C-alpha atoms as a PDB file:
ATOM      1  CA  UNK A   1     -56.363  37.577 -71.085  1.00  0.00           C
ATOM      2  CA  UNK A   2     -56.319  40.610 -68.782  1.00  0.00           C
ATOM      3  CA  UNK A   3     -59.431  39.392 -66.946  1.00  0.00           C
ATOM      4  CA  UNK A   4     -57.993  35.892 -66.439  1.00  0.00           C
ATOM      5  CA  UNK A   5     -54.699  37.295 -65.172  1.00  0.00           C
ATOM      6  CA  UNK A   6     -56.488  39.602 -62.732  1.00  0.00           C
ATOM      7  CA  UNK A   7     -58.545  36.666 -61.401  1.00  0.00           C
ATOM      8  CA  UNK A   8     -55.447  34.491 -61.029  1.00  0.00           C
ATOM      9  CA  UNK A   9     -53.572  37.181 -59.118  1.00  0.00           C
ATOM     10  CA  UNK A  10     -56.585  37.793 -56.871  1.00  0.00           C
ATOM     11  CA  UNK A  11     -56.943  34.107 -56.001  1.00  0.00           C
ATOM     12  CA  UNK A  12     -53.221  33.760 -55.427  1.00  0.00           C
ATOM     13  CA  UNK A  13     -53.033  36.865 -53.263  1.00  0.00           C
ATOM     14  CA  UNK A  14     -56.024  35.977 -51.067  1.00  0.00           C
ATOM     15  CA  UNK A  15     -54.748  32.515 -50.230  1.00  0.00           C
ATOM     16  CA  UNK A  16     -51.159  33.609 -49.932  1.00  0.00           C
ATOM     17  CA  UNK A  17     -52.371  35.979 -47.232  1.00  0.00           C
ATOM     18  CA  UNK A  18     -52.317  32.953 -44.956  1.00  0.00           C
ATOM     19  CA  UNK A  19     -48.539  32.814 -45.285  1.00  0.00           C
ATOM     20  CA  UNK A  20     -48.108  36.429 -44.280  1.00  0.00           C
ATOM     21  CA  UNK A  21     -49.435  35.737 -40.784  1.00  0.00           C
ATOM     22  CA  UNK A  22     -47.767  32.404 -40.048  1.00  0.00           C
ATOM     23  CA  UNK A  23     -44.945  33.905 -37.996  1.00  0.00           C
ATOM     24  CA  UNK A  24     -47.500  34.646 -35.272  1.00  0.00           C
ATOM     25  CA  UNK A  25     -49.966  31.846 -36.048  1.00  0.00           C
ATOM     26  CA  UNK A  26     -51.092  29.529 -33.275  1.00  0.00           C
ATOM     27  CA  UNK A  27     -51.528  25.752 -33.354  1.00  0.00           C
ATOM     28  CA  UNK A  28     -55.028  24.250 -33.749  1.00  0.00           C
ATOM     29  CA  UNK A  29     -57.332  25.056 -30.883  1.00  0.00           C
ATOM     30  CA  UNK A  30     -55.611  28.311 -29.992  1.00  0.00           C
ATOM     31  CA  UNK A  31     -57.198  31.663 -30.660  1.00  0.00           C
ATOM     32  CA  UNK A  32     -55.403  34.385 -32.565  1.00  0.00           C
ATOM     33  CA  UNK A  33     -55.826  38.078 -31.883  1.00  0.00           C
ATOM     34  CA  UNK A  34     -56.089  38.824 -35.577  1.00  0.00           C
ATOM     35  CA  UNK A  35     -57.433  37.026 -38.651  1.00  0.00           C
ATOM     36  CA  UNK A  36     -55.018  34.873 -40.696  1.00  0.00           C
ATOM     37  CA  UNK A  37     -55.929  36.681 -43.910  1.00  0.00           C
ATOM     38  CA  UNK A  38     -54.681  39.984 -45.229  1.00  0.00           C
ATOM     39  CA  UNK A  39     -56.129  42.171 -47.945  1.00  0.00           C
ATOM     40  CA  UNK A  40     -52.960  44.218 -48.372  1.00  0.00           C
ATOM     41  CA  UNK A  41     -50.413  41.430 -48.717  1.00  0.00           C
ATOM     42  CA  UNK A  42     -49.149  40.094 -52.037  1.00  0.00           C
ATOM     43  CA  UNK A  43     -46.981  37.053 -52.775  1.00  0.00           C
ATOM     44  CA  UNK A  44     -43.241  37.631 -52.853  1.00  0.00           C
ATOM     45  CA  UNK A  45     -43.086  36.093 -56.311  1.00  0.00           C
ATOM     46  CA  UNK A  46     -45.432  34.991 -59.033  1.00  0.00           C
ATOM     47  CA  UNK A  47     -45.236  31.457 -60.494  1.00  0.00           C
ATOM     48  CA  UNK A  48     -42.598  30.812 -63.106  1.00  0.00           C
ATOM     49  CA  UNK A  49     -43.835  30.530 -66.729  1.00  0.00           C
ATOM     50  CA  UNK A  50     -45.252  27.088 -67.362  1.00  0.00           C
ATOM     51  CA  UNK A  51     -45.835  26.456 -63.658  1.00  0.00           C
ATOM     52  CA  UNK A  52     -49.395  26.082 -62.410  1.00  0.00           C
ATOM     53  CA  UNK A  53     -49.854  27.950 -59.123  1.00  0.00           C
ATOM     54  CA  UNK A  54     -51.728  26.574 -56.163  1.00  0.00           C
ATOM     55  CA  UNK A  55     -55.308  27.796 -56.227  1.00  0.00           C
ATOM     56  CA  UNK A  56     -58.436  26.623 -54.490  1.00  0.00           C
ATOM     57  CA  UNK A  57     -60.181  23.941 -56.548  1.00  0.00           C
ATOM     58  CA  UNK A  58     -63.715  22.560 -56.354  1.00  0.00           C
ATOM     59  CA  UNK A  59     -64.130  19.276 -54.480  1.00  0.00           C
ATOM     60  CA  UNK A  60     -66.973  17.049 -53.308  1.00  0.00           C
ATOM     61  CA  UNK A  61     -66.714  18.012 -49.652  1.00  0.00           C
ATOM     62  CA  UNK A  62     -68.158  15.986 -46.806  1.00  0.00           C
ATOM     63  CA  UNK A  63     -68.957  18.449 -44.024  1.00  0.00           C
ATOM     64  CA  UNK A  64     -69.364  17.094 -40.491  1.00  0.00           C
ATOM     65  CA  UNK A  65     -70.997  19.768 -38.370  1.00  0.00           C
ATOM     66  CA  UNK A  66     -70.254  20.392 -34.703  1.00  0.00           C
ATOM     67  CA  UNK A  67     -73.719  19.085 -33.774  1.00  0.00           C
ATOM     68  CA  UNK A  68     -73.143  15.783 -35.605  1.00  0.00           C
ATOM     69  CA  UNK A  69     -75.102  16.542 -38.786  1.00  0.00           C
ATOM     70  CA  UNK A  70     -73.356  16.031 -42.090  1.00  0.00           C
ATOM     71  CA  UNK A  71     -73.755  17.364 -45.605  1.00  0.00           C
ATOM     72  CA  UNK A  72     -72.161  16.811 -49.002  1.00  0.00           C
ATOM     73  CA  UNK A  73     -71.481  19.758 -51.273  1.00  0.00           C
ATOM     74  CA  UNK A  74     -69.505  20.330 -54.468  1.00  0.00           C
ATOM     75  CA  UNK A  75     -67.705  23.609 -53.934  1.00  0.00           C
ATOM     76  CA  UNK A  76     -64.333  25.136 -53.116  1.00  0.00           C
ATOM     77  CA  UNK A  77     -62.804  26.843 -50.123  1.00  0.00           C
ATOM     78  CA  UNK A  78     -63.246  30.603 -50.190  1.00  0.00           C
ATOM     79  CA  UNK A  79     -61.520  33.176 -48.001  1.00  0.00           C
ATOM     80  CA  UNK A  80     -62.272  36.755 -47.062  1.00  0.00           C
ATOM     81  CA  UNK A  81     -60.458  39.080 -44.658  1.00  0.00           C
ATOM     82  CA  UNK A  82     -61.887  37.238 -41.644  1.00  0.00           C
ATOM     83  CA  UNK A  83     -62.143  33.525 -42.323  1.00  0.00           C
ATOM     84  CA  UNK A  84     -62.251  30.631 -44.714  1.00  0.00           C
ATOM     85  CA  UNK A  85     -65.693  29.298 -45.526  1.00  0.00           C
ATOM     86  CA  UNK A  86     -67.719  26.951 -47.716  1.00  0.00           C
ATOM     87  CA  UNK A  87     -71.016  27.914 -49.312  1.00  0.00           C
ATOM     88  CA  UNK A  88     -74.105  25.697 -49.199  1.00  0.00           C
ATOM     89  CA  UNK A  89     -76.767  26.414 -51.809  1.00  0.00           C
ATOM     90  CA  UNK A  90     -80.400  25.607 -51.064  1.00  0.00           C
ATOM     91  CA  UNK A  91     -81.923  25.294 -54.529  1.00  0.00           C
ATOM     92  CA  UNK A  92     -85.422  24.932 -53.075  1.00  0.00           C
ATOM     93  CA  UNK A  93     -85.235  28.615 -52.153  1.00  0.00           C
ATOM     94  CA  UNK A  94     -85.687  31.371 -54.707  1.00  0.00           C
ATOM     95  CA  UNK A  95     -82.539  32.748 -56.327  1.00  0.00           C
ATOM     96  CA  UNK A  96     -83.144  36.190 -54.855  1.00  0.00           C
ATOM     97  CA  UNK A  97     -83.970  34.857 -51.395  1.00  0.00           C
ATOM     98  CA  UNK A  98     -81.394  35.683 -48.714  1.00  0.00           C
ATOM     99  CA  UNK A  99     -81.590  32.096 -47.487  1.00  0.00           C
ATOM    100  CA  UNK A 100     -80.477  30.556 -50.769  1.00  0.00           C
ATOM    101  CA  UNK A 101     -76.797  30.602 -49.809  1.00  0.00           C
ATOM    102  CA  UNK A 102     -75.341  29.759 -46.396  1.00  0.00           C
ATOM    103  CA  UNK A 103     -71.746  30.239 -45.309  1.00  0.00           C
ATOM    104  CA  UNK A 104     -70.136  27.414 -43.350  1.00  0.00           C
ATOM    105  CA  UNK A 105     -67.148  28.488 -41.271  1.00  0.00           C
ATOM    106  CA  UNK A 106     -64.593  26.320 -39.426  1.00  0.00           C
ATOM    107  CA  UNK A 107     -66.103  26.946 -35.997  1.00  0.00           C
ATOM    108  CA  UNK A 108     -69.370  25.342 -37.149  1.00  0.00           C
ATOM    109  CA  UNK A 109     -67.712  22.046 -38.038  1.00  0.00           C
ATOM    110  CA  UNK A 110     -65.881  19.036 -36.623  1.00  0.00           C
ATOM    111  CA  UNK A 111     -64.163  18.450 -39.957  1.00  0.00           C
ATOM    112  CA  UNK A 112     -64.435  18.740 -43.719  1.00  0.00           C
ATOM    113  CA  UNK A 113     -63.011  16.243 -46.165  1.00  0.00           C
ATOM    114  CA  UNK A 114     -62.876  15.103 -49.753  1.00  0.00           C
ATOM    115  CA  UNK A 115     -61.437  11.989 -51.387  1.00  0.00           C
ATOM    116  CA  UNK A 116     -57.752  12.060 -52.278  1.00  0.00           C
ATOM    117  CA  UNK A 117     -57.818  10.810 -55.875  1.00  0.00           C
ATOM    118  CA  UNK A 118     -54.282   9.411 -55.528  1.00  0.00           C
ATOM    119  CA  UNK A 119     -54.980   7.222 -52.499  1.00  0.00           C
ATOM    120  CA  UNK A 120     -58.763   6.837 -52.437  1.00  0.00           C
ATOM    121  CA  UNK A 121     -58.662   7.895 -48.783  1.00  0.00           C
ATOM    122  CA  UNK A 122     -60.423  10.827 -47.139  1.00  0.00           C
ATOM    123  CA  UNK A 123     -58.341  14.000 -47.113  1.00  0.00           C
ATOM    124  CA  UNK A 124     -59.487  15.755 -43.969  1.00  0.00           C
ATOM    125  CA  UNK A 125     -59.262  19.325 -42.734  1.00  0.00           C
ATOM    126  CA  UNK A 126     -59.630  20.043 -39.035  1.00  0.00           C
ATOM    127  CA  UNK A 127     -60.988  23.423 -37.855  1.00  0.00           C
ATOM    128  CA  UNK A 128     -58.315  25.692 -36.426  1.00  0.00           C
ATOM    129  CA  UNK A 129     -59.475  29.160 -35.473  1.00  0.00           C
ATOM    130  CA  UNK A 130     -60.541  30.799 -38.751  1.00  0.00           C
ATOM    131  CA  UNK A 131     -59.387  28.109 -41.180  1.00  0.00           C
ATOM    132  CA  UNK A 132     -59.258  24.364 -41.716  1.00  0.00           C
ATOM    133  CA  UNK A 133     -55.859  22.685 -41.594  1.00  0.00           C
ATOM    134  CA  UNK A 134     -55.042  19.885 -44.039  1.00  0.00           C
ATOM    135  CA  UNK A 135     -51.949  17.642 -43.986  1.00  0.00           C
ATOM    136  CA  UNK A 136     -50.555  17.341 -47.541  1.00  0.00           C
ATOM    137  CA  UNK A 137     -47.230  15.877 -46.365  1.00  0.00           C
ATOM    138  CA  UNK A 138     -46.950  12.990 -43.909  1.00  0.00           C
ATOM    139  CA  UNK A 139     -43.774  11.395 -42.628  1.00  0.00           C
ATOM    140  CA  UNK A 140     -41.211  11.869 -39.894  1.00  0.00           C
ATOM    141  CA  UNK A 141     -42.056  15.536 -40.303  1.00  0.00           C
ATOM    142  CA  UNK A 142     -45.601  16.465 -41.313  1.00  0.00           C
ATOM    143  CA  UNK A 143     -46.690  19.679 -42.980  1.00  0.00           C
ATOM    144  CA  UNK A 144     -50.016  21.520 -42.829  1.00  0.00           C
ATOM    145  CA  UNK A 145     -51.811  23.969 -45.089  1.00  0.00           C
ATOM    146  CA  UNK A 146     -55.105  25.854 -45.044  1.00  0.00           C
ATOM    147  CA  UNK A 147     -55.870  24.857 -48.621  1.00  0.00           C
ATOM    148  CA  UNK A 148     -57.797  21.688 -49.452  1.00  0.00           C
ATOM    149  CA  UNK A 149     -55.388  20.606 -52.198  1.00  0.00           C
ATOM    150  CA  UNK A 150     -53.392  17.389 -51.849  1.00  0.00           C
ATOM    151  CA  UNK A 151     -50.206  19.206 -52.820  1.00  0.00           C
ATOM    152  CA  UNK A 152     -49.451  22.909 -52.488  1.00  0.00           C
ATOM    153  CA  UNK A 153     -46.639  25.297 -53.350  1.00  0.00           C
ATOM    154  CA  UNK A 154     -44.074  26.111 -50.666  1.00  0.00           C
ATOM    155  CA  UNK A 155     -45.628  29.445 -49.727  1.00  0.00           C
ATOM    156  CA  UNK A 156     -48.895  27.787 -48.674  1.00  0.00           C
ATOM    157  CA  UNK A 157     -47.368  25.440 -46.093  1.00  0.00           C
ATOM    158  CA  UNK A 158     -48.153  26.917 -42.677  1.00  0.00           C
ATOM    159  CA  UNK A 159     -46.959  24.450 -40.036  1.00  0.00           C
ATOM    160  CA  UNK A 160     -44.521  21.576 -39.602  1.00  0.00           C
ATOM    161  CA  UNK A 161     -44.757  18.847 -36.985  1.00  0.00           C
ATOM    162  CA  UNK A 162     -42.318  16.165 -35.863  1.00  0.00           C
ATOM    163  CA  UNK A 163     -44.288  12.958 -35.344  1.00  0.00           C
ATOM    164  CA  UNK A 164     -47.192  13.655 -33.002  1.00  0.00           C
ATOM    165  CA  UNK A 165     -45.520  16.717 -31.513  1.00  0.00           C
ATOM    166  CA  UNK A 166     -46.790  20.293 -31.492  1.00  0.00           C
ATOM    167  CA  UNK A 167     -47.435  22.200 -34.690  1.00  0.00           C
ATOM    168  CA  UNK A 168     -44.747  24.810 -35.297  1.00  0.00           C
ATOM    169  CA  UNK A 169     -45.326  27.768 -37.656  1.00  0.00           C
ATOM    170  CA  UNK A 170     -43.051  27.242 -40.611  1.00  0.00           C
ATOM    171  CA  UNK A 171     -41.514  30.718 -40.215  1.00  0.00           C
ATOM    172  CA  UNK A 172     -40.633  30.049 -36.574  1.00  0.00           C
ATOM    173  CA  UNK A 173     -36.871  29.443 -36.072  1.00  0.00           C
ATOM    174  CA  UNK A 174     -37.793  26.312 -34.134  1.00  0.00           C
ATOM    175  CA  UNK A 175     -39.153  24.813 -37.360  1.00  0.00           C
ATOM    176  CA  UNK A 176     -35.684  24.813 -38.929  1.00  0.00           C
ATOM    177  CA  UNK A 177     -34.331  22.936 -35.909  1.00  0.00           C
ATOM    178  CA  UNK A 178     -36.437  19.913 -36.869  1.00  0.00           C
ATOM    179  CA  UNK A 179     -34.236  19.445 -39.956  1.00  0.00           C
ATOM    180  CA  UNK A 180     -30.867  19.845 -38.222  1.00  0.00           C
ATOM    181  CA  UNK A 181     -30.037  16.120 -38.434  1.00  0.00           C
ATOM    182  CA  UNK A 182     -30.020  16.264 -42.242  1.00  0.00           C
ATOM    183  CA  UNK A 183     -27.777  19.000 -43.672  1.00  0.00           C
ATOM    184  CA  UNK A 184     -29.224  18.787 -47.193  1.00  0.00           C
ATOM    185  CA  UNK A 185     -32.781  19.053 -45.946  1.00  0.00           C
ATOM    186  CA  UNK A 186     -31.795  21.851 -43.548  1.00  0.00           C
ATOM    187  CA  UNK A 187     -30.226  23.829 -46.398  1.00  0.00           C
ATOM    188  CA  UNK A 188     -33.323  23.405 -48.567  1.00  0.00           C
ATOM    189  CA  UNK A 189     -35.524  24.497 -45.690  1.00  0.00           C
ATOM    190  CA  UNK A 190     -33.426  27.601 -44.988  1.00  0.00           C
ATOM    191  CA  UNK A 191     -33.876  28.549 -48.653  1.00  0.00           C
ATOM    192  CA  UNK A 192     -37.660  28.178 -48.248  1.00  0.00           C
ATOM    193  CA  UNK A 193     -37.797  25.126 -50.501  1.00  0.00           C
ATOM    194  CA  UNK A 194     -40.086  23.482 -48.000  1.00  0.00           C
ATOM    195  CA  UNK A 195     -41.537  20.703 -50.150  1.00  0.00           C
ATOM    196  CA  UNK A 196     -38.077  19.547 -51.227  1.00  0.00           C
ATOM    197  CA  UNK A 197     -36.769  19.809 -47.683  1.00  0.00           C
ATOM    198  CA  UNK A 198     -39.573  17.644 -46.344  1.00  0.00           C
ATOM    199  CA  UNK A 199     -39.181  15.090 -49.125  1.00  0.00           C
ATOM    200  CA  UNK A 200     -35.431  14.885 -48.517  1.00  0.00           C
ATOM    201  CA  UNK A 201     -35.791  14.540 -44.751  1.00  0.00           C
ATOM    202  CA  UNK A 202     -38.673  12.082 -44.814  1.00  0.00           C
ATOM    203  CA  UNK A 203     -37.053   9.814 -47.402  1.00  0.00           C
ATOM    204  CA  UNK A 204     -33.708   9.604 -45.583  1.00  0.00           C
ATOM    205  CA  UNK A 205     -32.930   6.478 -43.598  1.00  0.00           C
ATOM    206  CA  UNK A 206     -32.723   6.860 -39.850  1.00  0.00           C
END
């Protein structure tokens, strides 16, 4: 039990490190002066009993490389203090050979994707500095995360976007302004209930 709990906390803390930096994060294509991951940050709260936290799961990823090559691999997103990455395993190489495993980072790719089991459509992540950005929520206001899961907990949502407008870090005061036309959604957003705020706003009639 102790080992499983330690692993869960480690996974949660590593990926939640993305959230710690979002106040100064830049939209896709922009460079940051620091990595979006932190080794000394911990989530502000642990999941409630009976609630499954967001963690990085294995998927059948389709990797499209920057040079046009593509590759399929069953793996999960991993993060260290510098970047997210995927690992390709070359089983034709000896297990102790340094070339057996290759890291694939965002800058090496055009996109990565896996099939959304709910829609049957590709769920695509676009490279953005040292991570891939996925769009788990689409509507009048979109939301982006650096995890490859089709739904994520509030603390893993990094950006919001009105229509095709610019991506705004979710901790930026300008993000709250997007919800000003709907008082219920605005209140949920101010209380950091981002998923509920987005659902409320996107389901409301114009």
